[in-house]
Amino acid sequence: MSNAHVTGHAELDREWLAEDAAELCERVFASLARRSQRRAGELYVRGLLAAEGRKSMRNLASQFGRPAAEQSLHHFVSNSPWDWQQVRRALAEHLDRTVKPIAWVVDSMAITKSGRHSVGVQNAFVQHLGRVANSQHAYGVWLASEHTSYPVNWRLALPDSWLNDPVRRRQAAIPAHLSSTTPGSCKLNAALEVADGWDVQPRPLVLDAREADAEALIAQLRLREVSFVMRVDASVNVVADLADNRRVRTTLRSLRPALHPLRRPVVLDPSHRFRLCATVDVTVPGDTARPGRLVLLAVWPPDGNGLPQLWLSDLADTSSAGLLRLTRQLDRVRQDVAEVSSQVGIEDFTGRSFAGWHRHITLVSVAHAILMPANADFRMPEMLVAGRSS
C-alpha cells in the first residue's frame, strides 16, 4: 500500500483512498471467480470508505450515482456465492508480509441493535455499557504491530434462541453444521483457523480469557503449540513456585498478597513511563496435554494502587518488558475498533443473513486495512495510550 497523503484529522485524501482501495482489492479479491464479483467487492469497500454516517446499502450505493448500484451491492453481500474465508486468508497473508505483526489478538465485540431480526441478536450483558442490551456478539482475530492492528478473521456467536428456532434458522440461512459454542471455543476456533491453514508466521496469541474456561484454553493452545499471553480471572488455580522455595497450590486470588513484595518497575516505552509488575513461575493443574512451566505476570494500574491485572503465558523465558509489551496489544485493538473500524461500518450490518454478516464484516476488514495507515498518523502518542487504561 502507498504512503498516505492526509489533508486533515477528519478528512482523508479521496484520491489516495481510491488508489489504495484498488491496489488492495485486486490482491484480496483474486479468488473471486467472476470479474463482476471483484468489481462489486471493490465498490463496496470504496463505499465503506467514502459514505458518511451509517453504512447502509443505500448510503453505500449513493456514492456511485447509479440506480442499479444498491441492488448490485445487496446481491453481492447477501446472495452471491463467494467464499469470504478465501478473502480473509488473502488479506491476512498480505498483511503478515507487509505489517510484520508482533502478535495475534483475539477479542470479543458486542454490537448493539435496535430490533430482533439481525442474525444472532439477543439480550445479553454488554461489558462496555455495563448493562444488558440487545446485541450481537462477535469474536475477531487481529494482526497487531506496535502502532497498528488489522482484523483478519471472525466468528459470530449464535445463541440457542437462534439455533433452536427453525424459522429464524431458515430465514438467516444458518448452516446445518453450526451448533452452540462458548465464548472460549469461539475465540479458540477463530485463532486456530488462522494458525492451522493460513500462510502466516506464528505469533503469540494475546487474549482476554476472563469470560472463558482459561484452564481448558491453555490446554488446547499448548496441545496445538500456539504460544499465548492470556488475561485470566483471579479464580484460576495454579501451582506457584515462590521465592522462598515454597511450592503452593492455590487460586490467583489467594496468591495476590505474595505478589505485592515482588513488584518492580517495568518500562513501557521510550518516554520511560512504567508499570509496576511482578512475575512468578507457575503451572496449571489442568494442563495435562503438554505440562510445563508458565509465567504469571501481574500488572498494577498506573498509580500502583488497586488490584493487578493477571496474565498467564507460556513464554516463560521472555522478559517482563516483553510480556508487558504483548499485553498492550489488546488495548491497541480496542482503540483501533473505536477509531478506525467504526468509521467503516463494523457495526452497521442490519440484515438477518448469516452469510451476509460474514461477507459484510470481511469487506469492513479490507476497508479497515486501507484506512489504518492514514489513521495512524493522527494517533495519540504511545505514552498517552499506555497510561490511559488499567
Protein backbone atom coordinates (compact mmCIF):
# COMPACT_ATOMS: atom_id res chain seq x y z
CA MET A 1 0.00 0.00 0.00
CA SER A 2 1.14 3.52 -0.70
CA ASN A 3 2.01 6.14 1.88
CA ALA A 4 -1.00 8.19 2.90
CA HIS A 5 -1.35 11.82 1.94
CA VAL A 6 -3.63 13.25 4.60
CA THR A 7 -5.39 16.60 4.34
CA GLY A 8 -6.67 16.82 7.91
CA HIS A 9 -7.67 14.87 11.01
CA ALA A 10 -11.25 14.24 9.88
CA GLU A 11 -10.82 14.27 6.09
CA LEU A 12 -8.58 11.92 4.14
CA ASP A 13 -7.37 12.43 0.58
CA ARG A 14 -10.06 10.75 -1.55
CA GLU A 15 -7.68 10.14 -4.44
CA TRP A 16 -5.27 8.29 -2.17
CA LEU A 17 -8.09 6.17 -0.74
CA ALA A 18 -9.27 5.21 -4.22
CA GLU A 19 -5.73 4.23 -5.28
CA ASP A 20 -5.10 2.16 -2.17
CA ALA A 21 -8.54 0.53 -2.38
CA ALA A 22 -7.89 -0.55 -5.96
CA GLU A 23 -4.46 -1.94 -5.08
CA LEU A 24 -5.54 -3.97 -2.04
CA CYS A 25 -8.84 -5.11 -3.56
CA GLU A 26 -7.00 -6.51 -6.56
CA ARG A 27 -4.94 -8.64 -4.17
CA VAL A 28 -7.62 -9.89 -1.80
CA PHE A 29 -10.43 -10.44 -4.32
CA ALA A 30 -8.28 -12.51 -6.70
CA SER A 31 -10.06 -15.67 -5.52
CA LEU A 32 -13.47 -14.41 -6.70
CA ALA A 33 -14.42 -16.29 -9.84
CA ARG A 34 -16.09 -13.53 -11.85
CA ARG A 35 -14.93 -10.06 -12.79
CA SER A 36 -18.33 -8.67 -11.77
CA GLN A 37 -17.80 -10.03 -8.25
CA ARG A 38 -14.35 -8.47 -7.98
CA ARG A 39 -15.77 -5.16 -9.18
CA ALA A 40 -18.67 -5.31 -6.71
CA GLY A 41 -16.23 -6.06 -3.89
CA GLU A 42 -14.14 -3.02 -4.71
CA LEU A 43 -17.25 -0.81 -4.99
CA TYR A 44 -18.50 -2.00 -1.60
CA VAL A 45 -15.13 -1.28 0.03
CA ARG A 46 -14.94 2.15 -1.62
CA GLY A 47 -18.45 2.86 -0.37
CA LEU A 48 -17.45 1.93 3.18
CA LEU A 49 -14.56 4.36 2.94
CA ALA A 50 -16.48 7.23 1.35
CA ALA A 51 -20.01 7.16 2.79
CA GLU A 52 -20.80 9.45 5.70
CA GLY A 53 -22.74 8.14 8.69
CA ARG A 54 -24.29 4.66 8.85
CA LYS A 55 -23.07 2.34 6.11
CA SER A 56 -26.49 1.19 4.90
CA MET A 57 -26.73 -0.38 1.45
CA ARG A 58 -28.49 2.71 0.14
CA ASN A 59 -25.82 5.01 1.57
CA LEU A 60 -23.03 2.94 0.05
CA ALA A 61 -24.73 2.86 -3.35
CA SER A 62 -25.33 6.61 -3.30
CA GLN A 63 -21.59 7.16 -3.64
CA PHE A 64 -21.67 5.90 -7.22
CA GLY A 65 -24.75 7.64 -8.64
CA ARG A 66 -26.10 4.59 -10.46
CA PRO A 67 -29.71 3.43 -9.90
CA ALA A 68 -28.76 -0.27 -10.02
CA ALA A 69 -25.84 0.06 -7.58
CA GLU A 70 -27.89 -0.65 -4.44
CA GLN A 71 -29.38 -3.85 -5.85
CA SER A 72 -25.97 -4.98 -7.11
CA LEU A 73 -24.24 -4.42 -3.77
CA HIS A 74 -27.08 -6.08 -1.85
CA HIS A 75 -26.87 -9.15 -4.08
CA PHE A 76 -23.08 -9.28 -3.71
CA VAL A 77 -23.25 -9.34 0.08
CA SER A 78 -26.43 -11.32 0.69
CA ASN A 79 -26.69 -13.79 -2.20
CA SER A 80 -23.55 -14.00 -4.34
CA PRO A 81 -21.81 -17.33 -3.54
CA TRP A 82 -18.26 -16.12 -2.90
CA ASP A 83 -16.06 -17.57 -0.19
CA TRP A 84 -15.30 -14.95 2.45
CA GLN A 85 -12.70 -17.21 4.05
CA GLN A 86 -10.51 -17.02 0.93
CA VAL A 87 -10.69 -13.21 1.02
CA ARG A 88 -9.78 -13.16 4.72
CA ARG A 89 -6.87 -15.50 4.13
CA ALA A 90 -5.53 -13.35 1.28
CA LEU A 91 -5.85 -10.24 3.47
CA ALA A 92 -4.07 -11.89 6.41
CA GLU A 93 -1.22 -13.25 4.28
CA HIS A 94 -0.68 -9.85 2.64
CA LEU A 95 -0.68 -8.01 5.98
CA ASP A 96 1.59 -10.59 7.59
CA ARG A 97 4.22 -9.83 4.95
CA THR A 98 3.83 -6.04 4.93
CA VAL A 99 2.96 -5.12 8.53
CA LYS A 100 5.09 -7.77 10.30
CA PRO A 101 2.86 -8.08 13.38
CA ILE A 102 4.22 -8.96 16.80
CA ALA A 103 1.06 -10.74 17.97
CA TRP A 104 -2.29 -12.18 17.02
CA VAL A 105 -5.00 -10.70 19.21
CA VAL A 106 -8.37 -12.38 19.74
CA ASP A 107 -11.03 -10.14 21.22
CA SER A 108 -14.79 -10.03 21.61
CA MET A 109 -17.04 -7.28 20.28
CA ALA A 110 -20.62 -6.52 21.27
CA ILE A 111 -22.70 -4.82 18.56
CA THR A 112 -25.87 -3.22 19.91
CA LYS A 113 -29.00 -3.48 17.75
CA SER A 114 -32.47 -1.93 17.97
CA GLY A 115 -34.50 -4.83 16.56
CA ARG A 116 -34.69 -8.62 16.88
CA HIS A 117 -34.11 -9.60 13.24
CA SER A 118 -30.36 -9.09 12.83
CA VAL A 119 -28.72 -12.52 12.80
CA GLY A 120 -27.56 -13.71 16.23
CA VAL A 121 -29.06 -10.80 18.16
CA GLN A 122 -30.06 -11.42 21.78
CA ASN A 123 -30.43 -9.67 25.12
CA ALA A 124 -27.07 -10.13 26.82
CA PHE A 125 -24.72 -8.28 29.13
CA VAL A 126 -22.52 -5.78 27.25
CA GLN A 127 -19.36 -5.05 29.21
CA HIS A 128 -18.60 -1.58 27.86
CA LEU A 129 -22.19 -0.49 28.59
CA GLY A 130 -22.32 -2.16 31.99
CA ARG A 131 -25.83 -3.50 31.37
CA VAL A 132 -27.92 -5.99 29.42
CA ALA A 133 -28.60 -4.83 25.86
CA ASN A 134 -29.99 -6.16 22.59
CA SER A 135 -26.79 -7.10 20.79
CA GLN A 136 -24.76 -9.39 18.57
CA HIS A 137 -21.54 -10.88 19.94
CA ALA A 138 -18.62 -11.41 17.60
CA TYR A 139 -15.04 -12.63 18.06
CA GLY A 140 -12.25 -11.30 15.86
CA VAL A 141 -8.62 -12.18 15.19
CA TRP A 142 -6.32 -9.20 14.66
CA LEU A 143 -2.76 -8.92 13.43
CA ALA A 144 -1.20 -6.35 15.75
CA SER A 145 2.04 -4.38 15.45
CA GLU A 146 3.36 -1.73 17.82
CA HIS A 147 1.17 1.04 16.41
CA THR A 148 -1.49 -0.58 14.23
CA SER A 149 -3.79 -3.60 14.17
CA TYR A 150 -5.87 -5.25 11.47
CA PRO A 151 -8.87 -7.63 11.71
CA VAL A 152 -8.49 -10.76 9.56
CA ASN A 153 -10.90 -13.43 10.85
CA TRP A 154 -14.28 -13.56 12.57
CA ARG A 155 -16.77 -15.71 14.41
CA LEU A 156 -20.37 -14.70 15.18
CA ALA A 157 -21.80 -16.21 18.35
CA LEU A 158 -25.19 -17.80 17.70
CA PRO A 159 -27.33 -18.18 20.84
CA ASP A 160 -29.73 -21.09 21.35
CA SER A 161 -32.66 -18.74 20.65
CA TRP A 162 -31.45 -18.74 17.04
CA LEU A 163 -30.03 -22.23 16.72
CA ASN A 164 -33.11 -23.95 18.16
CA ASP A 165 -35.70 -21.87 16.28
CA PRO A 166 -36.33 -23.49 12.86
CA VAL A 167 -37.95 -20.34 11.44
CA ARG A 168 -35.14 -17.99 12.46
CA ARG A 169 -32.54 -20.52 11.41
CA ARG A 170 -34.10 -20.89 7.97
CA GLN A 171 -34.59 -17.16 7.46
CA ALA A 172 -30.95 -16.45 8.37
CA ALA A 173 -29.71 -19.44 6.32
CA ILE A 174 -27.61 -20.67 9.25
CA PRO A 175 -25.56 -23.69 8.10
CA ALA A 176 -26.78 -27.03 9.44
CA HIS A 177 -23.41 -27.95 10.99
CA LEU A 178 -23.30 -24.94 13.32
CA SER A 179 -24.17 -25.60 16.95
CA SER A 180 -23.95 -23.82 20.29
CA THR A 181 -20.47 -22.68 21.31
CA THR A 182 -18.91 -21.00 24.33
CA PRO A 183 -17.00 -17.68 24.19
CA GLY A 184 -13.79 -19.61 24.76
CA SER A 185 -14.38 -22.00 21.87
CA CYS A 186 -15.32 -19.11 19.56
CA LYS A 187 -12.02 -17.40 20.32
CA LEU A 188 -10.04 -20.63 20.06
CA ASN A 189 -11.57 -21.72 16.75
CA ALA A 190 -11.14 -18.29 15.16
CA ALA A 191 -7.44 -18.28 16.12
CA LEU A 192 -6.75 -21.90 15.17
CA GLU A 193 -8.22 -21.35 11.72
CA VAL A 194 -5.52 -18.74 11.14
CA ALA A 195 -2.77 -20.83 12.75
CA ASP A 196 -3.58 -24.13 11.04
CA GLY A 197 -4.39 -23.31 7.46
CA TRP A 198 -3.07 -19.87 6.51
CA ASP A 199 0.40 -18.94 5.28
CA VAL A 200 1.27 -16.56 8.12
CA GLN A 201 4.15 -16.61 10.56
CA PRO A 202 3.37 -17.95 14.06
CA ARG A 203 2.89 -15.16 16.59
CA PRO A 204 1.97 -15.17 20.29
CA LEU A 205 -1.79 -15.15 20.77
CA VAL A 206 -3.00 -12.36 23.08
CA LEU A 207 -6.49 -12.66 24.53
CA ASP A 208 -8.73 -11.91 27.49
CA ALA A 209 -9.95 -15.25 28.86
CA ARG A 210 -11.82 -13.99 31.91
CA GLU A 211 -15.18 -14.92 30.36
CA ALA A 212 -13.93 -18.36 29.28
CA ASP A 213 -12.57 -21.56 30.79
CA ALA A 214 -8.94 -20.42 30.91
CA GLU A 215 -7.57 -23.77 32.01
CA ALA A 216 -9.22 -25.55 29.07
CA LEU A 217 -7.96 -22.87 26.66
CA ILE A 218 -4.42 -23.23 27.95
CA ALA A 219 -4.54 -27.00 27.47
CA GLN A 220 -5.82 -26.64 23.90
CA LEU A 221 -3.29 -23.99 22.91
CA ARG A 222 -0.38 -25.93 24.36
CA LEU A 223 -1.56 -29.07 22.59
CA ARG A 224 -1.56 -27.13 19.29
CA GLU A 225 1.77 -25.48 20.13
CA VAL A 226 0.34 -21.97 19.88
CA SER A 227 2.12 -19.55 22.24
CA PHE A 228 -0.12 -17.26 24.26
CA VAL A 229 -0.37 -14.31 26.64
CA MET A 230 -3.75 -14.65 28.32
CA ARG A 231 -5.51 -12.39 30.81
CA VAL A 232 -7.25 -14.58 33.38
CA ASP A 233 -9.68 -14.34 36.26
CA ALA A 234 -8.41 -14.49 39.84
CA SER A 235 -10.30 -17.75 40.41
CA VAL A 236 -7.87 -19.77 38.24
CA ASN A 237 -5.98 -22.49 40.13
CA VAL A 238 -2.19 -22.66 39.86
CA VAL A 239 0.80 -24.28 41.48
CA ALA A 240 3.24 -21.44 42.18
CA ASP A 241 6.98 -21.52 42.86
CA LEU A 242 7.62 -18.76 45.39
CA ALA A 243 10.91 -17.00 46.13
CA ASP A 244 11.43 -18.83 49.45
CA ASN A 245 11.47 -22.18 47.63
CA ARG A 246 7.90 -22.93 48.66
CA ARG A 247 5.59 -24.56 46.13
CA VAL A 248 1.93 -23.82 46.82
CA ARG A 249 -1.29 -24.85 45.10
CA THR A 250 -3.78 -22.02 45.32
CA THR A 251 -6.00 -19.64 43.39
CA LEU A 252 -4.58 -16.50 41.86
CA ARG A 253 -6.79 -14.52 44.23
CA SER A 254 -5.09 -16.08 47.25
CA LEU A 255 -1.68 -15.59 45.63
CA ARG A 256 -2.04 -11.79 45.35
CA PRO A 257 -0.50 -10.94 48.76
CA ALA A 258 2.65 -12.89 47.85
CA LEU A 259 2.96 -10.93 44.60
CA HIS A 260 2.98 -7.49 46.18
CA PRO A 261 6.57 -7.61 47.57
CA LEU A 262 7.81 -8.83 44.17
CA ARG A 263 6.70 -5.68 42.31
CA ARG A 264 9.30 -3.98 40.13
CA PRO A 265 9.01 -1.04 37.68
CA VAL A 266 8.91 -2.17 34.04
CA VAL A 267 9.40 0.46 31.34
CA LEU A 268 6.54 0.79 28.85
CA ASP A 269 8.01 2.94 26.09
CA PRO A 270 10.90 5.24 25.08
CA SER A 271 9.45 8.02 27.25
CA HIS A 272 10.28 5.81 30.26
CA ARG A 273 6.75 5.55 31.56
CA PHE A 274 6.49 2.35 33.57
CA ARG A 275 4.13 -0.06 35.29
CA LEU A 276 4.73 -1.99 38.47
CA CYS A 277 4.86 -5.68 37.60
CA ALA A 278 5.63 -9.00 39.28
CA THR A 279 6.33 -12.40 37.76
CA VAL A 280 6.13 -15.89 39.26
CA ASP A 281 6.69 -19.29 37.67
CA VAL A 282 3.53 -21.42 37.83
CA THR A 283 1.89 -24.50 36.41
CA VAL A 284 -1.82 -25.06 35.83
CA PRO A 285 -3.15 -28.31 37.37
CA GLY A 286 -5.49 -28.98 34.44
CA ASP A 287 -2.70 -28.66 31.86
CA THR A 288 -2.12 -32.36 31.20
CA ALA A 289 -1.75 -32.27 27.40
CA ARG A 290 1.72 -30.66 27.41
CA PRO A 291 2.52 -29.91 31.06
CA GLY A 292 5.24 -27.36 31.59
CA ARG A 293 6.25 -24.09 33.13
CA LEU A 294 4.13 -20.97 32.68
CA VAL A 295 4.77 -17.45 33.90
CA LEU A 296 2.26 -15.36 35.80
CA LEU A 297 2.56 -11.64 35.07
CA ALA A 298 0.78 -9.26 37.45
CA VAL A 299 0.39 -5.67 36.20
CA TRP A 300 -0.74 -2.92 38.56
CA PRO A 301 -2.69 0.20 37.48
CA PRO A 302 -0.67 3.33 36.56
CA ASP A 303 -0.89 4.75 40.09
CA GLY A 304 0.36 1.48 41.60
CA ASN A 305 -2.79 1.04 43.68
CA GLY A 306 -5.72 -1.33 43.35
CA LEU A 307 -5.77 -4.91 42.11
CA PRO A 308 -3.38 -6.02 39.36
CA GLN A 309 -4.28 -7.49 36.02
CA LEU A 310 -3.31 -11.17 35.95
CA TRP A 311 -1.81 -12.74 32.81
CA LEU A 312 -0.60 -16.28 32.14
CA SER A 313 1.84 -17.09 29.35
CA ASP A 314 3.91 -19.99 28.09
CA LEU A 315 6.62 -17.51 27.05
CA ALA A 316 8.43 -18.27 30.28
CA ASP A 317 11.82 -17.07 29.01
CA THR A 318 10.51 -13.70 27.81
CA SER A 319 11.37 -10.63 29.89
CA SER A 320 8.73 -8.79 31.91
CA ALA A 321 9.08 -5.87 29.49
CA GLY A 322 8.47 -8.19 26.52
CA LEU A 323 5.39 -9.71 28.12
CA LEU A 324 4.04 -6.29 29.09
CA ARG A 325 4.55 -5.12 25.52
CA LEU A 326 2.39 -8.01 24.30
CA THR A 327 -0.41 -7.38 26.82
CA ARG A 328 -0.70 -3.82 25.46
CA GLN A 329 -1.81 -5.18 22.08
CA LEU A 330 -5.28 -5.83 23.48
CA ASP A 331 -5.62 -2.10 24.17
CA ARG A 332 -4.27 -1.39 20.70
CA VAL A 333 -7.02 -3.45 19.08
CA ARG A 334 -9.77 -1.87 21.15
CA GLN A 335 -8.54 1.60 20.26
CA ASP A 336 -8.46 0.70 16.58
CA VAL A 337 -12.01 -0.66 16.70
CA ALA A 338 -13.20 2.67 18.10
CA GLU A 339 -11.11 4.91 15.85
CA VAL A 340 -10.97 3.00 12.55
CA SER A 341 -13.35 0.04 12.29
CA SER A 342 -16.28 2.12 13.48
CA GLN A 343 -15.59 4.59 10.65
CA VAL A 344 -16.04 1.89 8.02
CA GLY A 345 -19.23 0.28 9.35
CA ILE A 346 -18.19 -2.60 11.57
CA GLU A 347 -21.49 -2.31 13.49
CA ASP A 348 -23.73 -1.33 10.58
CA PHE A 349 -24.93 -4.59 9.00
CA THR A 350 -28.67 -4.88 9.64
CA GLY A 351 -29.59 -7.95 7.58
CA ARG A 352 -30.71 -11.29 9.02
CA SER A 353 -28.46 -13.36 6.73
CA PHE A 354 -25.62 -15.28 8.44
CA ALA A 355 -23.56 -15.27 5.23
CA GLY A 356 -24.39 -11.59 4.68
CA TRP A 357 -22.97 -10.67 8.10
CA HIS A 358 -19.76 -12.57 7.39
CA ARG A 359 -19.34 -11.01 3.95
CA HIS A 360 -20.02 -7.50 5.27
CA ILE A 361 -17.52 -7.79 8.11
CA THR A 362 -14.93 -9.27 5.73
CA LEU A 363 -15.30 -6.22 3.48
CA VAL A 364 -15.13 -3.97 6.54
CA SER A 365 -11.82 -5.67 7.41
CA VAL A 366 -10.47 -4.81 3.95
CA ALA A 367 -11.62 -1.18 4.34
CA HIS A 368 -10.00 -1.05 7.80
CA ALA A 369 -6.68 -2.17 6.29
CA ILE A 370 -6.84 0.70 3.79
CA LEU A 371 -7.83 3.37 6.32
CA MET A 372 -5.49 2.23 9.11
CA PRO A 373 -2.18 3.69 7.79
CA ALA A 374 -3.73 7.16 7.46
CA ASN A 375 -5.35 7.00 10.87
CA ALA A 376 -2.01 6.03 12.45
CA ASP A 377 -0.66 9.48 11.56
CA PHE A 378 -3.16 11.01 13.99
CA ARG A 379 -2.64 8.70 16.93
CA MET A 380 -2.23 9.88 20.45
CA PRO A 381 1.42 9.36 21.48
CA GLU A 382 2.03 5.79 22.64
CA MET A 383 2.90 7.03 26.12
CA LEU A 384 -0.60 8.51 26.48
CA VAL A 385 -2.29 5.41 25.12
CA ALA A 386 -0.34 3.25 27.56
CA GLY A 387 -1.34 5.39 30.51
CA ARG A 388 -5.00 5.59 29.58
CA SER A 389 -6.23 2.12 30.50
CA SER A 390 -5.76 -0.05 33.56
